[in-house]
PDB file of N, CA and C in Angstrom:
ATOM      1  N   UNK A   1      -8.436  -8.778   9.396  1.00  0.00           N
ATOM      2  CA  UNK A   1      -7.939  -7.515   8.890  1.00  0.00           C
ATOM      3  C   UNK A   1      -6.432  -7.652   8.726  1.00  0.00           C
ATOM      4  N   UNK A   2      -5.963  -7.478   7.505  1.00  0.00           N
ATOM      5  CA  UNK A   2      -4.529  -7.591   7.261  1.00  0.00           C
ATOM      6  C   UNK A   2      -3.855  -6.233   7.143  1.00  0.00           C
ATOM      7  N   UNK A   3      -4.604  -5.182   6.799  1.00  0.00           N
ATOM      8  CA  UNK A   3      -4.052  -3.829   6.761  1.00  0.00           C
ATOM      9  C   UNK A   3      -5.009  -2.899   7.482  1.00  0.00           C
ATOM     10  N   UNK A   4      -4.486  -1.795   7.929  1.00  0.00           N
ATOM     11  CA  UNK A   4      -5.321  -0.830   8.638  1.00  0.00           C
ATOM     12  C   UNK A   4      -4.530   0.426   8.935  1.00  0.00           C
ATOM     13  N   UNK A   5      -5.113   1.275   9.744  1.00  0.00           N
ATOM     14  CA  UNK A   5      -4.480   2.527  10.128  1.00  0.00           C
ATOM     15  C   UNK A   5      -4.153   2.480  11.618  1.00  0.00           C
ATOM     16  N   UNK A   6      -2.919   2.781  11.958  1.00  0.00           N
ATOM     17  CA  UNK A   6      -2.502   2.834  13.347  1.00  0.00           C
ATOM     18  C   UNK A   6      -2.684   4.260  13.851  1.00  0.00           C
ATOM     19  N   UNK A   7      -3.348   4.415  14.990  1.00  0.00           N
ATOM     20  CA  UNK A   7      -3.651   5.719  15.570  1.00  0.00           C
ATOM     21  C   UNK A   7      -3.050   5.772  16.961  1.00  0.00           C
ATOM     22  N   UNK A   8      -2.392   6.867  17.281  1.00  0.00           N
ATOM     23  CA  UNK A   8      -1.803   7.048  18.614  1.00  0.00           C
ATOM     24  C   UNK A   8      -2.396   8.283  19.257  1.00  0.00           C
ATOM     25  N   UNK A   9      -2.825   8.139  20.494  1.00  0.00           N
ATOM     26  CA  UNK A   9      -3.353   9.274  21.264  1.00  0.00           C
ATOM     27  C   UNK A   9      -2.837   9.137  22.684  1.00  0.00           C
ATOM     28  N   UNK A  10      -1.963  10.048  23.078  1.00  0.00           N
ATOM     29  CA  UNK A  10      -1.352   9.970  24.399  1.00  0.00           C
ATOM     30  C   UNK A  10      -2.040  10.842  25.441  1.00  0.00           C
ATOM     31  N   UNK A  11      -3.166  11.466  25.081  1.00  0.00           N
ATOM     32  CA  UNK A  11      -3.868  12.352  26.009  1.00  0.00           C
ATOM     33  C   UNK A  11      -4.651  11.527  27.029  1.00  0.00           C
ATOM     34  N   UNK A  12      -4.217  11.517  28.298  1.00  0.00           N
ATOM     35  CA  UNK A  12      -4.915  10.713  29.304  1.00  0.00           C
ATOM     36  C   UNK A  12      -6.280  11.286  29.699  1.00  0.00           C
ATOM     37  N   UNK A  13      -6.576  12.517  29.286  1.00  0.00           N
ATOM     38  CA  UNK A  13      -7.852  13.136  29.644  1.00  0.00           C
ATOM     39  C   UNK A  13      -8.991  12.711  28.716  1.00  0.00           C
ATOM     40  N   UNK A  14      -8.647  12.084  27.589  1.00  0.00           N
ATOM     41  CA  UNK A  14      -9.661  11.647  26.633  1.00  0.00           C
ATOM     42  C   UNK A  14      -9.934  10.163  26.857  1.00  0.00           C
ATOM     43  N   UNK A  15     -11.210   9.816  27.021  1.00  0.00           N
ATOM     44  CA  UNK A  15     -11.550   8.417  27.263  1.00  0.00           C
ATOM     45  C   UNK A  15     -11.416   7.601  25.975  1.00  0.00           C
ATOM     46  N   UNK A  16     -11.390   6.291  26.121  1.00  0.00           N
ATOM     47  CA  UNK A  16     -11.150   5.400  24.991  1.00  0.00           C
ATOM     48  C   UNK A  16     -12.217   5.529  23.906  1.00  0.00           C
ATOM     49  N   UNK A  17     -13.481   5.667  24.288  1.00  0.00           N
ATOM     50  CA  UNK A  17     -14.542   5.812  23.289  1.00  0.00           C
ATOM     51  C   UNK A  17     -14.345   7.065  22.434  1.00  0.00           C
ATOM     52  N   UNK A  18     -13.939   8.150  23.059  1.00  0.00           N
ATOM     53  CA  UNK A  18     -13.684   9.387  22.312  1.00  0.00           C
ATOM     54  C   UNK A  18     -12.486   9.235  21.386  1.00  0.00           C
ATOM     55  N   UNK A  19     -11.457   8.537  21.847  1.00  0.00           N
ATOM     56  CA  UNK A  19     -10.287   8.290  21.008  1.00  0.00           C
ATOM     57  C   UNK A  19     -10.672   7.465  19.781  1.00  0.00           C
ATOM     58  N   UNK A  20     -11.491   6.434  19.995  1.00  0.00           N
ATOM     59  CA  UNK A  20     -11.930   5.588  18.893  1.00  0.00           C
ATOM     60  C   UNK A  20     -12.771   6.396  17.914  1.00  0.00           C
ATOM     61  N   UNK A  21     -13.656   7.243  18.433  1.00  0.00           N
ATOM     62  CA  UNK A  21     -14.511   8.064  17.565  1.00  0.00           C
ATOM     63  C   UNK A  21     -13.666   9.023  16.722  1.00  0.00           C
ATOM     64  N   UNK A  22     -12.672   9.656  17.330  1.00  0.00           N
ATOM     65  CA  UNK A  22     -11.798  10.573  16.588  1.00  0.00           C
ATOM     66  C   UNK A  22     -11.006   9.831  15.524  1.00  0.00           C
ATOM     67  N   UNK A  23     -10.463   8.682  15.883  1.00  0.00           N
ATOM     68  CA  UNK A  23      -9.679   7.891  14.931  1.00  0.00           C
ATOM     69  C   UNK A  23     -10.560   7.382  13.790  1.00  0.00           C
ATOM     70  N   UNK A  24     -11.772   6.943  14.100  1.00  0.00           N
ATOM     71  CA  UNK A  24     -12.688   6.442  13.077  1.00  0.00           C
ATOM     72  C   UNK A  24     -13.114   7.553  12.120  1.00  0.00           C
ATOM     73  N   UNK A  25     -13.342   8.742  12.648  1.00  0.00           N
ATOM     74  CA  UNK A  25     -13.714   9.876  11.796  1.00  0.00           C
ATOM     75  C   UNK A  25     -12.560  10.225  10.846  1.00  0.00           C
ATOM     76  N   UNK A  26     -11.352  10.218  11.354  1.00  0.00           N
ATOM     77  CA  UNK A  26     -10.199  10.487  10.494  1.00  0.00           C
ATOM     78  C   UNK A  26     -10.026   9.387   9.456  1.00  0.00           C
ATOM     79  N   UNK A  27     -10.213   8.132   9.850  1.00  0.00           N
ATOM     80  CA  UNK A  27     -10.115   7.006   8.927  1.00  0.00           C
ATOM     81  C   UNK A  27     -11.110   7.184   7.774  1.00  0.00           C
ATOM     82  N   UNK A  28     -12.332   7.555   8.112  1.00  0.00           N
ATOM     83  CA  UNK A  28     -13.356   7.758   7.085  1.00  0.00           C
ATOM     84  C   UNK A  28     -12.963   8.916   6.159  1.00  0.00           C
ATOM     85  N   UNK A  29     -12.452   9.990   6.732  1.00  0.00           N
ATOM     86  CA  UNK A  29     -12.011  11.129   5.932  1.00  0.00           C
ATOM     87  C   UNK A  29     -10.879  10.729   4.982  1.00  0.00           C
ATOM     88  N   UNK A  30      -9.925   9.979   5.493  1.00  0.00           N
ATOM     89  CA  UNK A  30      -8.741   9.631   4.709  1.00  0.00           C
ATOM     90  C   UNK A  30      -9.015   8.553   3.665  1.00  0.00           C
ATOM     91  N   UNK A  31      -9.806   7.527   4.029  1.00  0.00           N
ATOM     92  CA  UNK A  31      -9.990   6.380   3.143  1.00  0.00           C
ATOM     93  C   UNK A  31     -11.376   6.305   2.501  1.00  0.00           C
ATOM     94  N   UNK A  32     -12.290   7.173   2.892  1.00  0.00           N
ATOM     95  CA  UNK A  32     -13.612   7.188   2.280  1.00  0.00           C
ATOM     96  C   UNK A  32     -14.526   6.068   2.723  1.00  0.00           C
ATOM     97  N   UNK A  33     -14.165   5.391   3.798  1.00  0.00           N
ATOM     98  CA  UNK A  33     -14.974   4.296   4.331  1.00  0.00           C
ATOM     99  C   UNK A  33     -14.825   4.269   5.847  1.00  0.00           C
ATOM    100  N   UNK A  34     -15.928   4.009   6.536  1.00  0.00           N
ATOM    101  CA  UNK A  34     -15.887   3.945   8.001  1.00  0.00           C
ATOM    102  C   UNK A  34     -15.277   2.605   8.416  1.00  0.00           C
ATOM    103  N   UNK A  35     -14.384   2.588   9.392  1.00  0.00           N
ATOM    104  CA  UNK A  35     -13.780   1.320   9.802  1.00  0.00           C
ATOM    105  C   UNK A  35     -14.799   0.421  10.503  1.00  0.00           C
ATOM    106  N   UNK A  36     -14.611  -0.875  10.353  1.00  0.00           N
ATOM    107  CA  UNK A  36     -15.482  -1.855  10.997  1.00  0.00           C
ATOM    108  C   UNK A  36     -14.865  -2.424  12.270  1.00  0.00           C
ATOM    109  N   UNK A  37     -13.537  -2.439  12.313  1.00  0.00           N
ATOM    110  CA  UNK A  37     -12.818  -3.066  13.416  1.00  0.00           C
ATOM    111  C   UNK A  37     -11.856  -2.088  14.071  1.00  0.00           C
ATOM    112  N   UNK A  38     -11.678  -2.265  15.365  1.00  0.00           N
ATOM    113  CA  UNK A  38     -10.685  -1.489  16.105  1.00  0.00           C
ATOM    114  C   UNK A  38     -10.020  -2.425  17.110  1.00  0.00           C
ATOM    115  N   UNK A  39      -8.730  -2.657  16.929  1.00  0.00           N
ATOM    116  CA  UNK A  39      -7.971  -3.480  17.864  1.00  0.00           C
ATOM    117  C   UNK A  39      -7.291  -2.570  18.882  1.00  0.00           C
ATOM    118  N   UNK A  40      -7.356  -2.963  20.143  1.00  0.00           N
ATOM    119  CA  UNK A  40      -6.728  -2.208  21.226  1.00  0.00           C
ATOM    120  C   UNK A  40      -5.984  -3.182  22.134  1.00  0.00           C
ATOM    121  N   UNK A  41      -5.060  -2.671  22.907  1.00  0.00           N
ATOM    122  CA  UNK A  41      -4.369  -3.476  23.900  1.00  0.00           C
ATOM    123  C   UNK A  41      -5.381  -3.953  24.943  1.00  0.00           C
ATOM    124  N   UNK A  42      -5.336  -5.215  25.351  1.00  0.00           N
ATOM    125  CA  UNK A  42      -6.309  -5.720  26.329  1.00  0.00           C
ATOM    126  C   UNK A  42      -6.332  -4.941  27.636  1.00  0.00           C
ATOM    127  N   UNK A  43      -5.193  -4.413  28.069  1.00  0.00           N
ATOM    128  CA  UNK A  43      -5.159  -3.620  29.299  1.00  0.00           C
ATOM    129  C   UNK A  43      -5.915  -2.308  29.129  1.00  0.00           C
ATOM    130  N   UNK A  44      -5.908  -1.758  27.933  1.00  0.00           N
ATOM    131  CA  UNK A  44      -6.640  -0.534  27.633  1.00  0.00           C
ATOM    132  C   UNK A  44      -8.135  -0.801  27.584  1.00  0.00           C
ATOM    133  N   UNK A  45      -8.497  -1.990  27.160  1.00  0.00           N
ATOM    134  CA  UNK A  45      -9.901  -2.352  26.996  1.00  0.00           C
ATOM    135  C   UNK A  45     -10.649  -2.345  28.328  1.00  0.00           C
ATOM    136  N   UNK A  46      -9.954  -2.531  29.436  1.00  0.00           N
ATOM    137  CA  UNK A  46     -10.610  -2.535  30.743  1.00  0.00           C
ATOM    138  C   UNK A  46     -11.157  -1.150  31.096  1.00  0.00           C
ATOM    139  N   UNK A  47     -10.626  -0.098  30.468  1.00  0.00           N
ATOM    140  CA  UNK A  47     -11.089   1.266  30.736  1.00  0.00           C
ATOM    141  C   UNK A  47     -12.345   1.615  29.946  1.00  0.00           C
ATOM    142  N   UNK A  48     -12.798   0.700  29.105  1.00  0.00           N
ATOM    143  CA  UNK A  48     -13.961   0.961  28.260  1.00  0.00           C
ATOM    144  C   UNK A  48     -15.242   0.740  29.058  1.00  0.00           C
ATOM    145  N   UNK A  49     -16.034   1.788  29.197  1.00  0.00           N
ATOM    146  CA  UNK A  49     -17.265   1.702  29.984  1.00  0.00           C
ATOM    147  C   UNK A  49     -18.453   1.235  29.155  1.00  0.00           C
ATOM    148  N   UNK A  50     -18.449   1.538  27.860  1.00  0.00           N
ATOM    149  CA  UNK A  50     -19.526   1.129  26.953  1.00  0.00           C
ATOM    150  C   UNK A  50     -18.900   0.799  25.610  1.00  0.00           C
ATOM    151  N   UNK A  51     -19.653   0.118  24.777  1.00  0.00           N
ATOM    152  CA  UNK A  51     -19.143  -0.250  23.453  1.00  0.00           C
ATOM    153  C   UNK A  51     -19.981   0.419  22.380  1.00  0.00           C
ATOM    154  N   UNK A  52     -19.308   0.985  21.368  1.00  0.00           N
ATOM    155  CA  UNK A  52     -20.060   1.592  20.267  1.00  0.00           C
ATOM    156  C   UNK A  52     -20.740   0.509  19.432  1.00  0.00           C
ATOM    157  N   UNK A  53     -21.853   0.843  18.823  1.00  0.00           N
ATOM    158  CA  UNK A  53     -22.582  -0.141  18.022  1.00  0.00           C
ATOM    159  C   UNK A  53     -22.091  -0.200  16.585  1.00  0.00           C
ATOM    160  N   UNK A  54     -21.341   0.803  16.154  1.00  0.00           N
ATOM    161  CA  UNK A  54     -20.949   0.880  14.749  1.00  0.00           C
ATOM    162  C   UNK A  54     -19.565   0.323  14.433  1.00  0.00           C
ATOM    163  N   UNK A  55     -18.814  -0.066  15.451  1.00  0.00           N
ATOM    164  CA  UNK A  55     -17.461  -0.583  15.237  1.00  0.00           C
ATOM    165  C   UNK A  55     -17.183  -1.678  16.262  1.00  0.00           C
ATOM    166  N   UNK A  56     -16.582  -2.767  15.823  1.00  0.00           N
ATOM    167  CA  UNK A  56     -16.257  -3.885  16.709  1.00  0.00           C
ATOM    168  C   UNK A  56     -14.891  -3.635  17.328  1.00  0.00           C
ATOM    169  N   UNK A  57     -14.824  -3.687  18.654  1.00  0.00           N
ATOM    170  CA  UNK A  57     -13.575  -3.474  19.369  1.00  0.00           C
ATOM    171  C   UNK A  57     -13.076  -4.814  19.878  1.00  0.00           C
ATOM    172  N   UNK A  58     -11.825  -5.138  19.522  1.00  0.00           N
ATOM    173  CA  UNK A  58     -11.245  -6.424  19.871  1.00  0.00           C
ATOM    174  C   UNK A  58      -9.895  -6.235  20.562  1.00  0.00           C
ATOM    175  N   UNK A  59      -9.576  -7.106  21.526  1.00  0.00           N
ATOM    176  CA  UNK A  59      -8.270  -7.020  22.183  1.00  0.00           C
ATOM    177  C   UNK A  59      -7.187  -7.674  21.338  1.00  0.00           C
ATOM    178  N   UNK A  60      -5.985  -7.115  21.391  1.00  0.00           N
ATOM    179  CA  UNK A  60      -4.839  -7.676  20.680  1.00  0.00           C
ATOM    180  C   UNK A  60      -3.574  -7.239  21.417  1.00  0.00           C
ATOM    181  N   UNK A  61      -2.819  -8.196  21.922  1.00  0.00           N
ATOM    182  CA  UNK A  61      -1.599  -7.893  22.687  1.00  0.00           C
ATOM    183  C   UNK A  61      -0.522  -7.219  21.838  1.00  0.00           C
ATOM    184  N   UNK A  62      -0.607  -7.352  20.520  1.00  0.00           N
ATOM    185  CA  UNK A  62       0.403  -6.738  19.656  1.00  0.00           C
ATOM    186  C   UNK A  62       0.216  -5.227  19.549  1.00  0.00           C
ATOM    187  N   UNK A  63      -0.954  -4.726  19.901  1.00  0.00           N
ATOM    188  CA  UNK A  63      -1.212  -3.288  19.871  1.00  0.00           C
ATOM    189  C   UNK A  63      -0.735  -2.697  21.199  1.00  0.00           C
ATOM    190  N   UNK A  64       0.139  -1.731  21.112  1.00  0.00           N
ATOM    191  CA  UNK A  64       0.695  -1.115  22.315  1.00  0.00           C
ATOM    192  C   UNK A  64      -0.324  -0.198  22.990  1.00  0.00           C
ATOM    193  N   UNK A  65      -0.224  -0.021  24.317  1.00  0.00           N
ATOM    194  CA  UNK A  65      -1.124   0.915  24.998  1.00  0.00           C
ATOM    195  C   UNK A  65      -1.033   2.304  24.377  1.00  0.00           C
ATOM    196  N   UNK A  66      -2.184   2.962  24.262  1.00  0.00           N
ATOM    197  CA  UNK A  66      -2.244   4.283  23.661  1.00  0.00           C
ATOM    198  C   UNK A  66      -2.439   4.256  22.150  1.00  0.00           C
ATOM    199  N   UNK A  67      -2.399   3.074  21.567  1.00  0.00           N
ATOM    200  CA  UNK A  67      -2.552   2.918  20.126  1.00  0.00           C
ATOM    201  C   UNK A  67      -3.876   2.232  19.792  1.00  0.00           C
ATOM    202  N   UNK A  68      -4.391   2.522  18.604  1.00  0.00           N
ATOM    203  CA  UNK A  68      -5.576   1.862  18.060  1.00  0.00           C
ATOM    204  C   UNK A  68      -5.224   1.413  16.660  1.00  0.00           C
ATOM    205  N   UNK A  69      -5.684   0.246  16.275  1.00  0.00           N
ATOM    206  CA  UNK A  69      -5.479  -0.243  14.916  1.00  0.00           C
ATOM    207  C   UNK A  69      -6.851  -0.410  14.291  1.00  0.00           C
ATOM    208  N   UNK A  70      -7.183   0.448  13.334  1.00  0.00           N
ATOM    209  CA  UNK A  70      -8.511   0.468  12.728  1.00  0.00           C
ATOM    210  C   UNK A  70      -8.465  -0.007  11.281  1.00  0.00           C
ATOM    211  N   UNK A  71      -9.564  -0.618  10.846  1.00  0.00           N
ATOM    212  CA  UNK A  71      -9.653  -1.041   9.461  1.00  0.00           C
ATOM    213  C   UNK A  71     -10.971  -1.735   9.184  1.00  0.00           C
ATOM    214  N   UNK A  72     -11.017  -2.413   8.049  1.00  0.00           N
ATOM    215  CA  UNK A  72     -12.199  -3.163   7.643  1.00  0.00           C
ATOM    216  C   UNK A  72     -11.827  -4.635   7.543  1.00  0.00           C
ATOM    217  N   UNK A  73     -12.832  -5.474   7.599  1.00  0.00           N
ATOM    218  CA  UNK A  73     -12.597  -6.905   7.474  1.00  0.00           C
ATOM    219  C   UNK A  73     -12.002  -7.202   6.102  1.00  0.00           C
ATOM    220  N   UNK A  74     -11.177  -8.228   6.023  1.00  0.00           N
ATOM    221  CA  UNK A  74     -10.601  -8.628   4.751  1.00  0.00           C
ATOM    222  C   UNK A  74     -11.694  -8.959   3.760  1.00  0.00           C
ATOM    223  N   UNK A  75     -11.488  -8.557   2.521  1.00  0.00           N
ATOM    224  CA  UNK A  75     -12.467  -8.820   1.483  1.00  0.00           C
ATOM    225  C   UNK A  75     -13.427  -7.681   1.253  1.00  0.00           C
ATOM    226  N   UNK A  76     -13.435  -6.674   2.138  1.00  0.00           N
ATOM    227  CA  UNK A  76     -14.326  -5.523   1.968  1.00  0.00           C
ATOM    228  C   UNK A  76     -13.657  -4.540   1.017  1.00  0.00           C
ATOM    229  N   UNK A  77     -14.407  -4.024   0.085  1.00  0.00           N
ATOM    230  CA  UNK A  77     -13.896  -3.050  -0.873  1.00  0.00           C
ATOM    231  C   UNK A  77     -14.634  -1.740  -0.669  1.00  0.00           C
ATOM    232  N   UNK A  78     -13.919  -0.615  -0.553  1.00  0.00           N
ATOM    233  CA  UNK A  78     -14.604   0.658  -0.377  1.00  0.00           C
ATOM    234  C   UNK A  78     -15.495   0.971  -1.568  1.00  0.00           C
ATOM    235  N   UNK A  79     -16.613   1.621  -1.309  1.00  0.00           N
ATOM    236  CA  UNK A  79     -17.533   2.033  -2.358  1.00  0.00           C
ATOM    237  C   UNK A  79     -16.922   3.192  -3.138  1.00  0.00           C
ATOM    238  N   UNK A  80     -17.123   3.191  -4.410  1.00  0.00           N
ATOM    239  CA  UNK A  80     -16.631   4.292  -5.251  1.00  0.00           C
ATOM    240  C   UNK A  80     -17.462   5.534  -4.999  1.00  0.00           C
ATOM    241  N   UNK A  81     -16.823   6.671  -4.962  1.00  0.00           N
ATOM    242  CA  UNK A  81     -17.543   7.929  -4.690  1.00  0.00           C
ATOM    243  C   UNK A  81     -18.152   8.507  -5.932  1.00  0.00           C
TER     244      UNK A  81
END
């Protein structure tokens, strides 16, 4: 993934899965396609109790805590509406 959407959520009361779901829903609304990938800080990934089946979550040290980087794999083209 070379481009994507950066999402920040500083609310400590919302778990990581809920943050990813909210960010993915907004991504779909904004870009017309559901994201396939979500990069998170590896330290944040330890708080993940389960993994969603519809999006791949990967660790990346370049992503700061509290941030999510969502997008699609390179080469994917959104479907025309």
